[in-house]
Structure formats: C-alpha cells, structure tokens
Amino acid sequence: MWGQDKQDIKRATDGEQEAGDSESGAAASKEGGEDISAFVGKGVEFKGTISYSGTVRIDGSLDGEIRTDGTLLIGEEAVIQAKVSAGTIVCKGKITGDVVAKERVKLRAPAVVNGSVKTPMLSMEDGVLFNGGLEMSQAVRESPQGATVHALGGSSAPGVKRVNG
C-alpha cells in the first residue's frame, strides 16, 4: 500500500504521466522530465500574472494570467480563473478562461474547463467536463494526389469539389 502511494505521488509530479499512456518516450520526457520550476500549493491563493519558462505545477487558486512556452501542470484541487497561454497544459483541476497551447492540451478526469481552447493537439479522458469552444490550430494536411472528397451521405454539398489527379 505504501509503495502504491509513493508511485502515485511520483506520477503526479512527473507531469501527470500515467503508466497506461501510449505516448512516445520523447513526449513523456518532454512533459515530465523537466524539473518543476515553481509550485503553487494547495490552499495558496495567487492573484496576478505568472510568466515563466520551464514547468510549473498549480494545486492552489490562481486569478489572473499565465504565460509560458513551457509546461503547466494543474492539479486536481486547483481552481484557475485566468487567460492561459502555454506550450503544454496538463489539467486535472478547474480552468475558467481562454486557453492557448502551442503544443498540446491534456484534460484528465475530473478536469472542468469553461472557456475556449486553441491547440494543435487535444486529449480528453472520460469524466472531463468541457464547456466552450475548441479551435485546432494545426495546419490542415493536404489530401493525397488523386483523392476524392465526398459529402456525408453521398450527396454533393456546396464547397465540396472532386479532386482529379
């Protein structure tokens, strides 16, 4: 039992990485391999702007703005009311506000997000509550040469054209 508790704590501080994740080692090390630069603990209330590089974990309450190219880890007890801009965001807590991530957003149960999210990659577990807009900002991939695009149901829709190769 004690060993399991220690494992849970290690996983929580290592970027919320779960043993069952099928992510590549590079992504896992990028997310959790960095040392945590700062920690806003449970019961701590912070108002203002946080700007940093590296990894920050928040388990308390934050009202304001978060800006970074690094990683933001939001614990299960965290309550964030802020405009958030980060490289990678891993959230198990509550965010109210607009979220922009340059790399990815991972919403893990029991996360609650109220606001818009803009990111090239989004993963969301069962049990997450998401109320807001989503914009996948990654560039649209081109269709392979000679591919045909059809509207659902086989009917032709305005703006859908056949690509002849």
C-alpha atoms as a PDB file:
ATOM      1  CA  MET A   1       0.000   0.000   0.000  1.00  0.00           C
ATOM      2  CA  TRP A   2       2.789   2.461   0.903  1.00  0.00           C
ATOM      3  CA  GLY A   3       4.617   1.672  -2.319  1.00  0.00           C
ATOM      4  CA  GLN A   4       1.481   2.431  -4.321  1.00  0.00           C
ATOM      5  CA  ASP A   5       1.095   5.836  -2.611  1.00  0.00           C
ATOM      6  CA  LYS A   6       4.688   6.716  -3.462  1.00  0.00           C
ATOM      7  CA  GLN A   7       4.078   5.680  -7.071  1.00  0.00           C
ATOM      8  CA  ASP A   8       1.002   7.923  -7.245  1.00  0.00           C
ATOM      9  CA  ILE A   9       2.948  10.887  -5.872  1.00  0.00           C
ATOM     10  CA  LYS A  10       5.800  10.305  -8.330  1.00  0.00           C
ATOM     11  CA  ARG A  11       3.359  10.137 -11.244  1.00  0.00           C
ATOM     12  CA  ALA A  12       1.654  13.342 -10.078  1.00  0.00           C
ATOM     13  CA  THR A  13       4.931  15.224 -10.010  1.00  0.00           C
ATOM     14  CA  ASP A  14       6.228  13.682 -13.228  1.00  0.00           C
ATOM     15  CA  GLY A  15       3.848  15.583 -15.463  1.00  0.00           C
ATOM     16  CA  GLU A  16       0.743  13.576 -14.620  1.00  0.00           C
ATOM     17  CA  GLN A  17       2.101  10.763 -16.824  1.00  0.00           C
ATOM     18  CA  GLU A  18       0.073   7.557 -16.473  1.00  0.00           C
ATOM     19  CA  ALA A  19       1.554   4.090 -16.850  1.00  0.00           C
ATOM     20  CA  GLY A  20      -1.055   3.179 -19.465  1.00  0.00           C
ATOM     21  CA  ASP A  21      -0.311   6.124 -21.761  1.00  0.00           C
ATOM     22  CA  SER A  22       0.737   5.119 -25.248  1.00  0.00           C
ATOM     23  CA  GLU A  23       2.751   8.280 -25.863  1.00  0.00           C
ATOM     24  CA  SER A  24       6.289   8.125 -27.157  1.00  0.00           C
ATOM     25  CA  GLY A  25       9.128   8.388 -24.688  1.00  0.00           C
ATOM     26  CA  ALA A  26      10.131  11.733 -26.196  1.00  0.00           C
ATOM     27  CA  ALA A  27       6.739  13.272 -25.457  1.00  0.00           C
ATOM     28  CA  ALA A  28       6.714  11.777 -21.965  1.00  0.00           C
ATOM     29  CA  SER A  29      10.184  13.088 -21.159  1.00  0.00           C
ATOM     30  CA  LYS A  30       9.372  16.495 -22.626  1.00  0.00           C
ATOM     31  CA  GLU A  31       6.279  16.741 -20.433  1.00  0.00           C
ATOM     32  CA  GLY A  32       7.511  15.284 -17.163  1.00  0.00           C
ATOM     33  CA  GLY A  33      11.269  15.047 -17.440  1.00  0.00           C
ATOM     34  CA  GLU A  34      11.842  18.687 -16.623  1.00  0.00           C
ATOM     35  CA  ASP A  35      12.247  19.829 -13.055  1.00  0.00           C
ATOM     36  CA  ILE A  36       9.334  21.821 -11.686  1.00  0.00           C
ATOM     37  CA  SER A  37      10.424  25.483 -11.597  1.00  0.00           C
ATOM     38  CA  ALA A  38       7.651  26.648  -9.275  1.00  0.00           C
ATOM     39  CA  PHE A  39       4.814  25.167  -7.273  1.00  0.00           C
ATOM     40  CA  VAL A  40       1.606  26.857  -6.104  1.00  0.00           C
ATOM     41  CA  GLY A  41       0.450  24.522  -3.341  1.00  0.00           C
ATOM     42  CA  LYS A  42      -2.998  23.518  -2.182  1.00  0.00           C
ATOM     43  CA  GLY A  43      -4.577  26.300  -0.133  1.00  0.00           C
ATOM     44  CA  VAL A  44      -2.438  29.023  -1.742  1.00  0.00           C
ATOM     45  CA  GLU A  45      -4.311  31.863  -3.449  1.00  0.00           C
ATOM     46  CA  PHE A  46      -2.477  33.885  -6.093  1.00  0.00           C
ATOM     47  CA  LYS A  47      -3.736  36.952  -7.965  1.00  0.00           C
ATOM     48  CA  GLY A  48      -1.763  38.414 -10.846  1.00  0.00           C
ATOM     49  CA  THR A  49       0.332  37.317 -13.782  1.00  0.00           C
ATOM     50  CA  ILE A  50       2.703  34.359 -13.812  1.00  0.00           C
ATOM     51  CA  SER A  51       5.299  34.406 -16.569  1.00  0.00           C
ATOM     52  CA  TYR A  52       7.949  31.682 -16.610  1.00  0.00           C
ATOM     53  CA  SER A  53       9.947  29.157 -18.596  1.00  0.00           C
ATOM     54  CA  GLY A  54      10.160  25.510 -17.617  1.00  0.00           C
ATOM     55  CA  THR A  55       7.484  23.614 -15.719  1.00  0.00           C
ATOM     56  CA  VAL A  56       5.088  24.980 -13.094  1.00  0.00           C
ATOM     57  CA  ARG A  57       2.567  22.982 -11.079  1.00  0.00           C
ATOM     58  CA  ILE A  58      -0.506  24.639  -9.587  1.00  0.00           C
ATOM     59  CA  ASP A  59      -2.602  22.952  -6.905  1.00  0.00           C
ATOM     60  CA  GLY A  60      -3.998  26.135  -5.370  1.00  0.00           C
ATOM     61  CA  SER A  61      -6.101  29.007  -6.665  1.00  0.00           C
ATOM     62  CA  LEU A  62      -4.963  31.460  -9.336  1.00  0.00           C
ATOM     63  CA  ASP A  63      -6.812  34.515 -10.622  1.00  0.00           C
ATOM     64  CA  GLY A  64      -5.154  36.449 -13.439  1.00  0.00           C
ATOM     65  CA  GLU A  65      -2.940  35.341 -16.310  1.00  0.00           C
ATOM     66  CA  ILE A  66      -0.415  32.588 -17.013  1.00  0.00           C
ATOM     67  CA  ARG A  67       2.145  32.972 -19.821  1.00  0.00           C
ATOM     68  CA  THR A  68       4.839  30.470 -20.769  1.00  0.00           C
ATOM     69  CA  ASP A  69       6.324  28.419 -23.575  1.00  0.00           C
ATOM     70  CA  GLY A  70       6.906  25.666 -21.021  1.00  0.00           C
ATOM     71  CA  THR A  71       4.633  23.178 -19.296  1.00  0.00           C
ATOM     72  CA  LEU A  72       1.747  23.969 -16.964  1.00  0.00           C
ATOM     73  CA  LEU A  73       0.543  21.208 -14.640  1.00  0.00           C
ATOM     74  CA  ILE A  74      -2.816  21.843 -12.988  1.00  0.00           C
ATOM     75  CA  GLY A  75      -3.612  19.545 -10.077  1.00  0.00           C
ATOM     76  CA  GLU A  76      -6.984  18.119  -9.145  1.00  0.00           C
ATOM     77  CA  GLU A  77      -7.570  20.669  -6.363  1.00  0.00           C
ATOM     78  CA  ALA A  78      -6.570  23.686  -8.487  1.00  0.00           C
ATOM     79  CA  VAL A  79      -9.001  26.440  -9.444  1.00  0.00           C
ATOM     80  CA  ILE A  80      -7.739  28.679 -12.252  1.00  0.00           C
ATOM     81  CA  GLN A  81      -9.595  31.797 -13.373  1.00  0.00           C
ATOM     82  CA  ALA A  82      -7.209  33.130 -15.959  1.00  0.00           C
ATOM     83  CA  LYS A  83      -6.162  33.641 -19.513  1.00  0.00           C
ATOM     84  CA  VAL A  84      -3.694  30.792 -20.036  1.00  0.00           C
ATOM     85  CA  SER A  85      -1.008  30.631 -22.705  1.00  0.00           C
ATOM     86  CA  ALA A  86       1.487  27.755 -22.518  1.00  0.00           C
ATOM     87  CA  GLY A  87       3.441  25.242 -24.545  1.00  0.00           C
ATOM     88  CA  THR A  88       1.834  22.168 -22.952  1.00  0.00           C
ATOM     89  CA  ILE A  89      -1.021  22.051 -20.447  1.00  0.00           C
ATOM     90  CA  VAL A  90      -1.940  19.003 -18.376  1.00  0.00           C
ATOM     91  CA  CYS A  91      -5.089  19.659 -16.341  1.00  0.00           C
ATOM     92  CA  LYS A  92      -6.948  17.684 -13.683  1.00  0.00           C
ATOM     93  CA  GLY A  93      -8.421  20.772 -11.989  1.00  0.00           C
ATOM     94  CA  LYS A  94     -10.796  23.581 -12.960  1.00  0.00           C
ATOM     95  CA  ILE A  95      -9.997  26.278 -15.534  1.00  0.00           C
ATOM     96  CA  THR A  96     -12.306  29.204 -16.268  1.00  0.00           C
ATOM     97  CA  GLY A  97     -10.957  31.347 -19.090  1.00  0.00           C
ATOM     98  CA  ASP A  98      -9.399  31.123 -22.510  1.00  0.00           C
ATOM     99  CA  VAL A  99      -6.624  28.582 -23.025  1.00  0.00           C
ATOM    100  CA  VAL A 100      -3.995  28.620 -25.780  1.00  0.00           C
ATOM    101  CA  ALA A 101      -1.378  25.866 -26.030  1.00  0.00           C
ATOM    102  CA  LYS A 102       1.348  25.811 -28.673  1.00  0.00           C
ATOM    103  CA  GLU A 103       1.946  22.064 -28.382  1.00  0.00           C
ATOM    104  CA  ARG A 104      -0.899  20.215 -26.640  1.00  0.00           C
ATOM    105  CA  VAL A 105      -3.629  20.194 -24.001  1.00  0.00           C
ATOM    106  CA  LYS A 106      -4.331  17.084 -21.925  1.00  0.00           C
ATOM    107  CA  LEU A 107      -7.549  17.117 -19.928  1.00  0.00           C
ATOM    108  CA  ARG A 108      -7.585  14.351 -17.351  1.00  0.00           C
ATOM    109  CA  ALA A 109     -10.580  13.414 -15.207  1.00  0.00           C
ATOM    110  CA  PRO A 110     -12.019  15.125 -13.195  1.00  0.00           C
ATOM    111  CA  ALA A 111     -10.975  18.319 -15.051  1.00  0.00           C
ATOM    112  CA  VAL A 112     -13.523  21.068 -15.734  1.00  0.00           C
ATOM    113  CA  VAL A 113     -12.854  23.648 -18.451  1.00  0.00           C
ATOM    114  CA  ASN A 114     -15.159  26.630 -19.017  1.00  0.00           C
ATOM    115  CA  GLY A 115     -13.819  28.689 -21.900  1.00  0.00           C
ATOM    116  CA  SER A 116     -12.294  28.424 -25.318  1.00  0.00           C
ATOM    117  CA  VAL A 117      -9.321  26.200 -26.095  1.00  0.00           C
ATOM    118  CA  LYS A 118      -6.923  26.694 -29.003  1.00  0.00           C
ATOM    119  CA  THR A 119      -4.317  23.956 -29.522  1.00  0.00           C
ATOM    120  CA  PRO A 120      -2.913  21.733 -32.255  1.00  0.00           C
ATOM    121  CA  MET A 121      -3.405  18.578 -30.117  1.00  0.00           C
ATOM    122  CA  LEU A 122      -6.094  17.802 -27.541  1.00  0.00           C
ATOM    123  CA  SER A 123      -6.660  14.690 -25.479  1.00  0.00           C
ATOM    124  CA  MET A 124      -9.576  14.314 -23.093  1.00  0.00           C
ATOM    125  CA  GLU A 125     -10.402  11.476 -20.719  1.00  0.00           C
ATOM    126  CA  ASP A 126     -13.863  10.193 -19.868  1.00  0.00           C
ATOM    127  CA  GLY A 127     -15.247  12.222 -16.969  1.00  0.00           C
ATOM    128  CA  VAL A 128     -13.896  15.592 -18.115  1.00  0.00           C
ATOM    129  CA  LEU A 129     -16.393  18.459 -18.379  1.00  0.00           C
ATOM    130  CA  PHE A 130     -15.659  20.834 -21.269  1.00  0.00           C
ATOM    131  CA  ASN A 131     -17.934  23.841 -21.837  1.00  0.00           C
ATOM    132  CA  GLY A 132     -16.654  26.161 -24.532  1.00  0.00           C
ATOM    133  CA  GLY A 133     -15.189  26.452 -27.975  1.00  0.00           C
ATOM    134  CA  LEU A 134     -12.361  24.470 -29.490  1.00  0.00           C
ATOM    135  CA  GLU A 135     -10.012  25.523 -32.271  1.00  0.00           C
ATOM    136  CA  MET A 136      -7.464  23.063 -33.569  1.00  0.00           C
ATOM    137  CA  SER A 137      -4.805  25.461 -34.793  1.00  0.00           C
ATOM    138  CA  GLN A 138      -2.639  22.944 -36.632  1.00  0.00           C
ATOM    139  CA  ALA A 139      -2.274  23.490 -40.390  1.00  0.00           C
ATOM    140  CA  VAL A 140      -4.664  21.413 -42.486  1.00  0.00           C
ATOM    141  CA  ARG A 141      -2.916  18.490 -44.144  1.00  0.00           C
ATOM    142  CA  GLU A 142      -3.203  18.223 -47.901  1.00  0.00           C
ATOM    143  CA  SER A 143      -5.110  15.278 -49.356  1.00  0.00           C
ATOM    144  CA  PRO A 144      -3.009  12.741 -51.248  1.00  0.00           C
ATOM    145  CA  GLN A 145      -2.924  13.290 -55.020  1.00  0.00           C
ATOM    146  CA  GLY A 146      -5.964  11.804 -56.714  1.00  0.00           C
ATOM    147  CA  ALA A 147      -8.030  11.610 -53.529  1.00  0.00           C
ATOM    148  CA  THR A 148     -11.740  12.211 -53.744  1.00  0.00           C
ATOM    149  CA  VAL A 149     -13.674  14.201 -51.155  1.00  0.00           C
ATOM    150  CA  HIS A 150     -17.361  13.369 -50.710  1.00  0.00           C
ATOM    151  CA  ALA A 151     -20.017  14.951 -48.524  1.00  0.00           C
ATOM    152  CA  LEU A 152     -21.584  12.653 -45.924  1.00  0.00           C
ATOM    153  CA  GLY A 153     -24.475  10.667 -47.325  1.00  0.00           C
ATOM    154  CA  GLY A 154     -23.016  10.763 -50.833  1.00  0.00           C
ATOM    155  CA  SER A 155     -24.825  13.978 -51.747  1.00  0.00           C
ATOM    156  CA  SER A 156     -22.989  16.928 -53.191  1.00  0.00           C
ATOM    157  CA  ALA A 157     -22.689  19.885 -50.856  1.00  0.00           C
ATOM    158  CA  PRO A 158     -21.719  23.476 -51.668  1.00  0.00           C
ATOM    159  CA  GLY A 159     -17.973  23.974 -51.419  1.00  0.00           C
ATOM    160  CA  VAL A 160     -17.130  20.269 -51.799  1.00  0.00           C
ATOM    161  CA  LYS A 161     -15.247  19.585 -55.015  1.00  0.00           C
ATOM    162  CA  ARG A 162     -13.917  16.448 -56.587  1.00  0.00           C
ATOM    163  CA  VAL A 163     -10.156  16.381 -56.905  1.00  0.00           C
ATOM    164  CA  ASN A 164      -8.984  14.727 -60.116  1.00  0.00           C
ATOM    165  CA  GLY A 165      -5.387  13.595 -60.267  1.00  0.00           C
END
